[in-house]
Structures are given as C-alpha cells and as structure tokens.
C-alpha cells in the first residue's frame, strides 16, 4: 500500500518522544501502544511485529498526568 504524501508514520519510540515533549511528563512507548489499542491514535502494521503510529494523531494528543499531585504541580507552573 503506497503512502500518501500528507501522511507520516512514526515508530513507537518517536511517538513516545513527541508525546513526552507535548505533555510535559514522561510517556513510554508501551503507553503509545495502549493509546493505539484504545483507538486514541491510529496505527498500522509495519511488519509482523512492529507497528507505526500516525504522526498527526500523535502530535494532536496530550497525555494527562496520572496522579492528582502531578496535575496540581503542572497547574501551578503554568
């Protein structure tokens, strides 16, 4: 299946780095897989073992802090 020119796909590690930067706290590659499994971001199979994640979806998504104290800390900094 040929790629469309306006679509870019990322590895799990690349997606993790972008989400970490955009969200202001660490986001693991494993969490990226969970987001894709739950339909929050699009993914596709690259080969039998590896997935790729849609760059536009990744850049648009923000991961909220897990714990209330982390959320309060982020709000006080902003």
PDB file of N, CA and C in Angstrom:
ATOM      1  N   UNK A   1       0.844  -1.179   0.000  1.00  0.00           N
ATOM      2  CA  UNK A   1       0.000   0.000   0.000  1.00  0.00           C
ATOM      3  C   UNK A   1       0.889   1.240   0.000  1.00  0.00           C
ATOM      4  N   UNK A   2       0.822   2.054  -1.017  1.00  0.00           N
ATOM      5  CA  UNK A   2       1.678   3.240  -1.075  1.00  0.00           C
ATOM      6  C   UNK A   2       1.258   4.289  -0.054  1.00  0.00           C
ATOM      7  N   UNK A   3       2.242   5.000   0.439  1.00  0.00           N
ATOM      8  CA  UNK A   3       1.971   6.076   1.400  1.00  0.00           C
ATOM      9  C   UNK A   3       1.421   7.290   0.694  1.00  0.00           C
ATOM     10  N   UNK A   4       0.492   7.958   1.337  1.00  0.00           N
ATOM     11  CA  UNK A   4       0.024   9.243   0.840  1.00  0.00           C
ATOM     12  C   UNK A   4       1.063  10.283   1.228  1.00  0.00           C
ATOM     13  N   UNK A   5       1.217  11.294   0.421  1.00  0.00           N
ATOM     14  CA  UNK A   5       2.248  12.304   0.683  1.00  0.00           C
ATOM     15  C   UNK A   5       2.013  13.071   1.973  1.00  0.00           C
ATOM     16  N   UNK A   6       0.745  13.235   2.382  1.00  0.00           N
ATOM     17  CA  UNK A   6       0.464  14.018   3.580  1.00  0.00           C
ATOM     18  C   UNK A   6       0.461  13.184   4.852  1.00  0.00           C
ATOM     19  N   UNK A   7       0.765  11.906   4.749  1.00  0.00           N
ATOM     20  CA  UNK A   7       0.762  11.053   5.933  1.00  0.00           C
ATOM     21  C   UNK A   7       2.179  10.637   6.298  1.00  0.00           C
ATOM     22  N   UNK A   8       2.524  10.847   7.546  1.00  0.00           N
ATOM     23  CA  UNK A   8       3.807  10.393   8.072  1.00  0.00           C
ATOM     24  C   UNK A   8       3.537   9.432   9.212  1.00  0.00           C
ATOM     25  N   UNK A   9       4.335   8.414   9.311  1.00  0.00           N
ATOM     26  CA  UNK A   9       4.168   7.395  10.340  1.00  0.00           C
ATOM     27  C   UNK A   9       5.428   7.341  11.185  1.00  0.00           C
ATOM     28  N   UNK A  10       5.253   7.111  12.475  1.00  0.00           N
ATOM     29  CA  UNK A  10       6.339   7.147  13.447  1.00  0.00           C
ATOM     30  C   UNK A  10       6.518   5.790  14.112  1.00  0.00           C
ATOM     31  N   UNK A  11       7.735   5.550  14.583  1.00  0.00           N
ATOM     32  CA  UNK A  11       7.967   4.374  15.418  1.00  0.00           C
ATOM     33  C   UNK A  11       7.395   4.658  16.809  1.00  0.00           C
ATOM     34  N   UNK A  12       7.295   3.638  17.618  1.00  0.00           N
ATOM     35  CA  UNK A  12       6.815   3.811  18.984  1.00  0.00           C
ATOM     36  C   UNK A  12       7.708   4.745  19.783  1.00  0.00           C
ATOM     37  N   UNK A  13       9.012   4.643  19.586  1.00  0.00           N
ATOM     38  CA  UNK A  13       9.957   5.494  20.310  1.00  0.00           C
ATOM     39  C   UNK A  13       9.811   6.955  19.880  1.00  0.00           C
ATOM     40  N   UNK A  14       9.659   7.199  18.581  1.00  0.00           N
ATOM     41  CA  UNK A  14       9.471   8.565  18.094  1.00  0.00           C
ATOM     42  C   UNK A  14       8.168   9.158  18.645  1.00  0.00           C
ATOM     43  N   UNK A  15       7.106   8.369  18.612  1.00  0.00           N
ATOM     44  CA  UNK A  15       5.817   8.823  19.144  1.00  0.00           C
ATOM     45  C   UNK A  15       5.924   9.120  20.638  1.00  0.00           C
ATOM     46  N   UNK A  16       6.638   8.281  21.356  1.00  0.00           N
ATOM     47  CA  UNK A  16       6.835   8.471  22.786  1.00  0.00           C
ATOM     48  C   UNK A  16       7.549   9.794  23.072  1.00  0.00           C
ATOM     49  N   UNK A  17       8.572  10.104  22.308  1.00  0.00           N
ATOM     50  CA  UNK A  17       9.318  11.357  22.496  1.00  0.00           C
ATOM     51  C   UNK A  17       8.438  12.576  22.234  1.00  0.00           C
ATOM     52  N   UNK A  18       7.631  12.524  21.186  1.00  0.00           N
ATOM     53  CA  UNK A  18       6.743  13.645  20.860  1.00  0.00           C
ATOM     54  C   UNK A  18       5.693  13.825  21.955  1.00  0.00           C
ATOM     55  N   UNK A  19       5.083  12.733  22.402  1.00  0.00           N
ATOM     56  CA  UNK A  19       4.071  12.829  23.457  1.00  0.00           C
ATOM     57  C   UNK A  19       4.678  13.335  24.763  1.00  0.00           C
ATOM     58  N   UNK A  20       5.895  12.920  25.068  1.00  0.00           N
ATOM     59  CA  UNK A  20       6.584  13.397  26.266  1.00  0.00           C
ATOM     60  C   UNK A  20       6.798  14.903  26.187  1.00  0.00           C
ATOM     61  N   UNK A  21       7.259  15.366  25.044  1.00  0.00           N
ATOM     62  CA  UNK A  21       7.512  16.801  24.859  1.00  0.00           C
ATOM     63  C   UNK A  21       6.212  17.603  24.927  1.00  0.00           C
ATOM     64  N   UNK A  22       5.165  17.130  24.284  1.00  0.00           N
ATOM     65  CA  UNK A  22       3.895  17.857  24.233  1.00  0.00           C
ATOM     66  C   UNK A  22       3.123  17.817  25.552  1.00  0.00           C
ATOM     67  N   UNK A  23       3.322  16.761  26.330  1.00  0.00           N
ATOM     68  CA  UNK A  23       2.540  16.583  27.554  1.00  0.00           C
ATOM     69  C   UNK A  23       3.259  17.085  28.801  1.00  0.00           C
ATOM     70  N   UNK A  24       4.567  17.285  28.717  1.00  0.00           N
ATOM     71  CA  UNK A  24       5.311  17.820  29.849  1.00  0.00           C
ATOM     72  C   UNK A  24       5.676  16.808  30.913  1.00  0.00           C
ATOM     73  N   UNK A  25       5.522  15.534  30.617  1.00  0.00           N
ATOM     74  CA  UNK A  25       5.935  14.480  31.537  1.00  0.00           C
ATOM     75  C   UNK A  25       6.220  13.217  30.724  1.00  0.00           C
ATOM     76  N   UNK A  26       6.971  12.267  31.282  1.00  0.00           N
ATOM     77  CA  UNK A  26       7.363  11.088  30.511  1.00  0.00           C
ATOM     78  C   UNK A  26       6.168  10.245  30.045  1.00  0.00           C
ATOM     79  N   UNK A  27       6.231   9.824  28.786  1.00  0.00           N
ATOM     80  CA  UNK A  27       5.240   8.927  28.191  1.00  0.00           C
ATOM     81  C   UNK A  27       6.026   7.790  27.545  1.00  0.00           C
ATOM     82  N   UNK A  28       5.744   6.567  27.942  1.00  0.00           N
ATOM     83  CA  UNK A  28       6.503   5.425  27.444  1.00  0.00           C
ATOM     84  C   UNK A  28       5.992   4.936  26.097  1.00  0.00           C
ATOM     85  N   UNK A  29       6.836   4.196  25.393  1.00  0.00           N
ATOM     86  CA  UNK A  29       6.436   3.578  24.128  1.00  0.00           C
ATOM     87  C   UNK A  29       5.321   2.565  24.374  1.00  0.00           C
ATOM     88  N   UNK A  30       5.318   1.936  25.531  1.00  0.00           N
ATOM     89  CA  UNK A  30       4.253   0.999  25.872  1.00  0.00           C
ATOM     90  C   UNK A  30       2.914   1.732  25.961  1.00  0.00           C
ATOM     91  N   UNK A  31       2.907   2.924  26.510  1.00  0.00           N
ATOM     92  CA  UNK A  31       1.673   3.696  26.604  1.00  0.00           C
ATOM     93  C   UNK A  31       1.180   4.104  25.216  1.00  0.00           C
ATOM     94  N   UNK A  32       2.107   4.352  24.307  1.00  0.00           N
ATOM     95  CA  UNK A  32       1.724   4.655  22.921  1.00  0.00           C
ATOM     96  C   UNK A  32       0.946   3.470  22.341  1.00  0.00           C
ATOM     97  N   UNK A  33       1.407   2.260  22.597  1.00  0.00           N
ATOM     98  CA  UNK A  33       0.696   1.065  22.124  1.00  0.00           C
ATOM     99  C   UNK A  33      -0.708   0.991  22.725  1.00  0.00           C
ATOM    100  N   UNK A  34      -0.838   1.335  24.005  1.00  0.00           N
ATOM    101  CA  UNK A  34      -2.145   1.323  24.666  1.00  0.00           C
ATOM    102  C   UNK A  34      -3.079   2.348  24.022  1.00  0.00           C
ATOM    103  N   UNK A  35      -2.559   3.547  23.734  1.00  0.00           N
ATOM    104  CA  UNK A  35      -3.369   4.573  23.079  1.00  0.00           C
ATOM    105  C   UNK A  35      -3.888   4.076  21.731  1.00  0.00           C
ATOM    106  N   UNK A  36      -3.032   3.415  20.981  1.00  0.00           N
ATOM    107  CA  UNK A  36      -3.441   2.894  19.674  1.00  0.00           C
ATOM    108  C   UNK A  36      -4.475   1.780  19.821  1.00  0.00           C
ATOM    109  N   UNK A  37      -4.252   0.910  20.786  1.00  0.00           N
ATOM    110  CA  UNK A  37      -5.186  -0.202  21.010  1.00  0.00           C
ATOM    111  C   UNK A  37      -6.571   0.324  21.383  1.00  0.00           C
ATOM    112  N   UNK A  38      -6.626   1.424  22.126  1.00  0.00           N
ATOM    113  CA  UNK A  38      -7.892   2.016  22.551  1.00  0.00           C
ATOM    114  C   UNK A  38      -8.483   2.970  21.515  1.00  0.00           C
ATOM    115  N   UNK A  39      -7.799   3.152  20.390  1.00  0.00           N
ATOM    116  CA  UNK A  39      -8.329   3.977  19.308  1.00  0.00           C
ATOM    117  C   UNK A  39      -8.063   5.465  19.438  1.00  0.00           C
ATOM    118  N   UNK A  40      -7.224   5.868  20.378  1.00  0.00           N
ATOM    119  CA  UNK A  40      -6.925   7.291  20.565  1.00  0.00           C
ATOM    120  C   UNK A  40      -6.020   7.823  19.452  1.00  0.00           C
ATOM    121  N   UNK A  41      -5.136   6.979  18.932  1.00  0.00           N
ATOM    122  CA  UNK A  41      -4.290   7.335  17.794  1.00  0.00           C
ATOM    123  C   UNK A  41      -4.310   6.174  16.807  1.00  0.00           C
ATOM    124  N   UNK A  42      -4.152   6.502  15.536  1.00  0.00           N
ATOM    125  CA  UNK A  42      -4.158   5.461  14.509  1.00  0.00           C
ATOM    126  C   UNK A  42      -2.813   4.749  14.459  1.00  0.00           C
ATOM    127  N   UNK A  43      -2.869   3.479  14.138  1.00  0.00           N
ATOM    128  CA  UNK A  43      -1.648   2.703  13.964  1.00  0.00           C
ATOM    129  C   UNK A  43      -1.831   1.767  12.783  1.00  0.00           C
ATOM    130  N   UNK A  44      -0.728   1.258  12.312  1.00  0.00           N
ATOM    131  CA  UNK A  44      -0.762   0.254  11.253  1.00  0.00           C
ATOM    132  C   UNK A  44       0.427  -0.682  11.447  1.00  0.00           C
ATOM    133  N   UNK A  45       0.301  -1.857  10.904  1.00  0.00           N
ATOM    134  CA  UNK A  45       1.380  -2.836  10.994  1.00  0.00           C
ATOM    135  C   UNK A  45       2.457  -2.488   9.975  1.00  0.00           C
ATOM    136  N   UNK A  46       3.680  -2.458  10.450  1.00  0.00           N
ATOM    137  CA  UNK A  46       4.803  -2.234   9.539  1.00  0.00           C
ATOM    138  C   UNK A  46       5.317  -3.564   9.019  1.00  0.00           C
ATOM    139  N   UNK A  47       5.379  -4.511   9.912  1.00  0.00           N
ATOM    140  CA  UNK A  47       5.702  -5.885   9.547  1.00  0.00           C
ATOM    141  C   UNK A  47       4.948  -6.776  10.532  1.00  0.00           C
ATOM    142  N   UNK A  48       5.318  -8.019  10.642  1.00  0.00           N
ATOM    143  CA  UNK A  48       4.589  -8.916  11.517  1.00  0.00           C
ATOM    144  C   UNK A  48       4.688  -8.590  12.993  1.00  0.00           C
ATOM    145  N   UNK A  49       5.641  -7.771  13.390  1.00  0.00           N
ATOM    146  CA  UNK A  49       5.881  -7.497  14.799  1.00  0.00           C
ATOM    147  C   UNK A  49       5.806  -6.011  15.168  1.00  0.00           C
ATOM    148  N   UNK A  50       6.095  -5.147  14.232  1.00  0.00           N
ATOM    149  CA  UNK A  50       6.249  -3.720  14.505  1.00  0.00           C
ATOM    150  C   UNK A  50       5.042  -2.926  14.037  1.00  0.00           C
ATOM    151  N   UNK A  51       4.667  -1.926  14.832  1.00  0.00           N
ATOM    152  CA  UNK A  51       3.581  -1.012  14.468  1.00  0.00           C
ATOM    153  C   UNK A  51       4.152   0.374  14.228  1.00  0.00           C
ATOM    154  N   UNK A  52       3.429   1.145  13.434  1.00  0.00           N
ATOM    155  CA  UNK A  52       3.741   2.549  13.223  1.00  0.00           C
ATOM    156  C   UNK A  52       2.532   3.360  13.650  1.00  0.00           C
ATOM    157  N   UNK A  53       2.777   4.604  14.056  1.00  0.00           N
ATOM    158  CA  UNK A  53       1.727   5.453  14.607  1.00  0.00           C
ATOM    159  C   UNK A  53       1.616   6.726  13.772  1.00  0.00           C
ATOM    160  N   UNK A  54       0.386   7.157  13.533  1.00  0.00           N
ATOM    161  CA  UNK A  54       0.129   8.310  12.671  1.00  0.00           C
ATOM    162  C   UNK A  54       0.637   9.588  13.339  1.00  0.00           C
ATOM    163  N   UNK A  55       1.510  10.289  12.650  1.00  0.00           N
ATOM    164  CA  UNK A  55       2.151  11.469  13.229  1.00  0.00           C
ATOM    165  C   UNK A  55       1.151  12.563  13.593  1.00  0.00           C
ATOM    166  N   UNK A  56       0.186  12.817  12.749  1.00  0.00           N
ATOM    167  CA  UNK A  56      -0.812  13.857  13.036  1.00  0.00           C
ATOM    168  C   UNK A  56      -1.591  13.565  14.305  1.00  0.00           C
ATOM    169  N   UNK A  57      -1.970  12.298  14.502  1.00  0.00           N
ATOM    170  CA  UNK A  57      -2.690  11.906  15.713  1.00  0.00           C
ATOM    171  C   UNK A  57      -1.805  12.081  16.948  1.00  0.00           C
ATOM    172  N   UNK A  58      -0.544  11.671  16.824  1.00  0.00           N
ATOM    173  CA  UNK A  58       0.388  11.755  17.957  1.00  0.00           C
ATOM    174  C   UNK A  58       0.613  13.208  18.348  1.00  0.00           C
ATOM    175  N   UNK A  59       0.849  14.065  17.382  1.00  0.00           N
ATOM    176  CA  UNK A  59       1.117  15.482  17.675  1.00  0.00           C
ATOM    177  C   UNK A  59      -0.110  16.192  18.272  1.00  0.00           C
ATOM    178  N   UNK A  60      -1.297  15.738  17.945  1.00  0.00           N
ATOM    179  CA  UNK A  60      -2.520  16.373  18.443  1.00  0.00           C
ATOM    180  C   UNK A  60      -2.921  15.877  19.831  1.00  0.00           C
ATOM    181  N   UNK A  61      -2.378  14.760  20.269  1.00  0.00           N
ATOM    182  CA  UNK A  61      -2.805  14.141  21.525  1.00  0.00           C
ATOM    183  C   UNK A  61      -1.983  14.654  22.697  1.00  0.00           C
ATOM    184  N   UNK A  62      -2.628  14.870  23.835  1.00  0.00           N
ATOM    185  CA  UNK A  62      -1.955  15.259  25.083  1.00  0.00           C
ATOM    186  C   UNK A  62      -2.295  14.228  26.138  1.00  0.00           C
ATOM    187  N   UNK A  63      -1.288  13.772  26.849  1.00  0.00           N
ATOM    188  CA  UNK A  63      -1.482  12.785  27.907  1.00  0.00           C
ATOM    189  C   UNK A  63      -1.536  13.524  29.233  1.00  0.00           C
ATOM    190  N   UNK A  64      -2.647  13.373  29.943  1.00  0.00           N
ATOM    191  CA  UNK A  64      -2.804  13.993  31.258  1.00  0.00           C
ATOM    192  C   UNK A  64      -1.967  13.233  32.293  1.00  0.00           C
ATOM    193  N   UNK A  65      -1.449  13.933  33.304  1.00  0.00           N
ATOM    194  CA  UNK A  65      -0.722  13.246  34.372  1.00  0.00           C
ATOM    195  C   UNK A  65      -1.619  12.231  35.069  1.00  0.00           C
ATOM    196  N   UNK A  66      -1.020  11.146  35.495  1.00  0.00           N
ATOM    197  CA  UNK A  66      -1.772  10.058  36.115  1.00  0.00           C
ATOM    198  C   UNK A  66      -2.261  10.421  37.512  1.00  0.00           C
ATOM    199  N   UNK A  67      -1.426  11.089  38.277  1.00  0.00           N
ATOM    200  CA  UNK A  67      -1.742  11.340  39.674  1.00  0.00           C
ATOM    201  C   UNK A  67      -2.166  12.785  39.905  1.00  0.00           C
ATOM    202  N   UNK A  68      -3.076  12.966  40.828  1.00  0.00           N
ATOM    203  CA  UNK A  68      -3.616  14.283  41.130  1.00  0.00           C
ATOM    204  C   UNK A  68      -2.518  15.270  41.522  1.00  0.00           C
ATOM    205  N   UNK A  69      -1.549  14.835  42.317  1.00  0.00           N
ATOM    206  CA  UNK A  69      -0.484  15.749  42.747  1.00  0.00           C
ATOM    207  C   UNK A  69       0.347  16.223  41.563  1.00  0.00           C
ATOM    208  N   UNK A  70       0.534  15.362  40.538  1.00  0.00           N
ATOM    209  CA  UNK A  70       1.267  15.764  39.344  1.00  0.00           C
ATOM    210  C   UNK A  70       0.472  16.802  38.557  1.00  0.00           C
ATOM    211  N   UNK A  71      -0.853  16.648  38.487  1.00  0.00           N
ATOM    212  CA  UNK A  71      -1.703  17.620  37.792  1.00  0.00           C
ATOM    213  C   UNK A  71      -1.641  18.970  38.486  1.00  0.00           C
ATOM    214  N   UNK A  72      -1.687  18.950  39.822  1.00  0.00           N
ATOM    215  CA  UNK A  72      -1.640  20.200  40.576  1.00  0.00           C
ATOM    216  C   UNK A  72      -0.292  20.893  40.364  1.00  0.00           C
ATOM    217  N   UNK A  73       0.790  20.122  40.316  1.00  0.00           N
ATOM    218  CA  UNK A  73       2.114  20.684  40.105  1.00  0.00           C
ATOM    219  C   UNK A  73       2.185  21.365  38.739  1.00  0.00           C
ATOM    220  N   UNK A  74       1.634  20.715  37.695  1.00  0.00           N
ATOM    221  CA  UNK A  74       1.635  21.308  36.366  1.00  0.00           C
ATOM    222  C   UNK A  74       0.804  22.578  36.307  1.00  0.00           C
ATOM    223  N   UNK A  75      -0.329  22.600  37.005  1.00  0.00           N
ATOM    224  CA  UNK A  75      -1.181  23.789  37.005  1.00  0.00           C
ATOM    225  C   UNK A  75      -0.503  24.955  37.712  1.00  0.00           C
ATOM    226  N   UNK A  76       0.265  24.692  38.762  1.00  0.00           N
ATOM    227  CA  UNK A  76       0.933  25.757  39.496  1.00  0.00           C
ATOM    228  C   UNK A  76       2.092  26.340  38.698  1.00  0.00           C
ATOM    229  N   UNK A  77       2.702  25.552  37.816  1.00  0.00           N
ATOM    230  CA  UNK A  77       3.809  26.026  36.981  1.00  0.00           C
ATOM    231  C   UNK A  77       3.286  26.867  35.843  1.00  0.00           C
ATOM    232  N   UNK A  78       2.133  26.526  35.319  1.00  0.00           N
ATOM    233  CA  UNK A  78       1.571  27.222  34.145  1.00  0.00           C
ATOM    234  C   UNK A  78       1.070  28.586  34.452  1.00  0.00           C
TER     235      UNK A  78
END
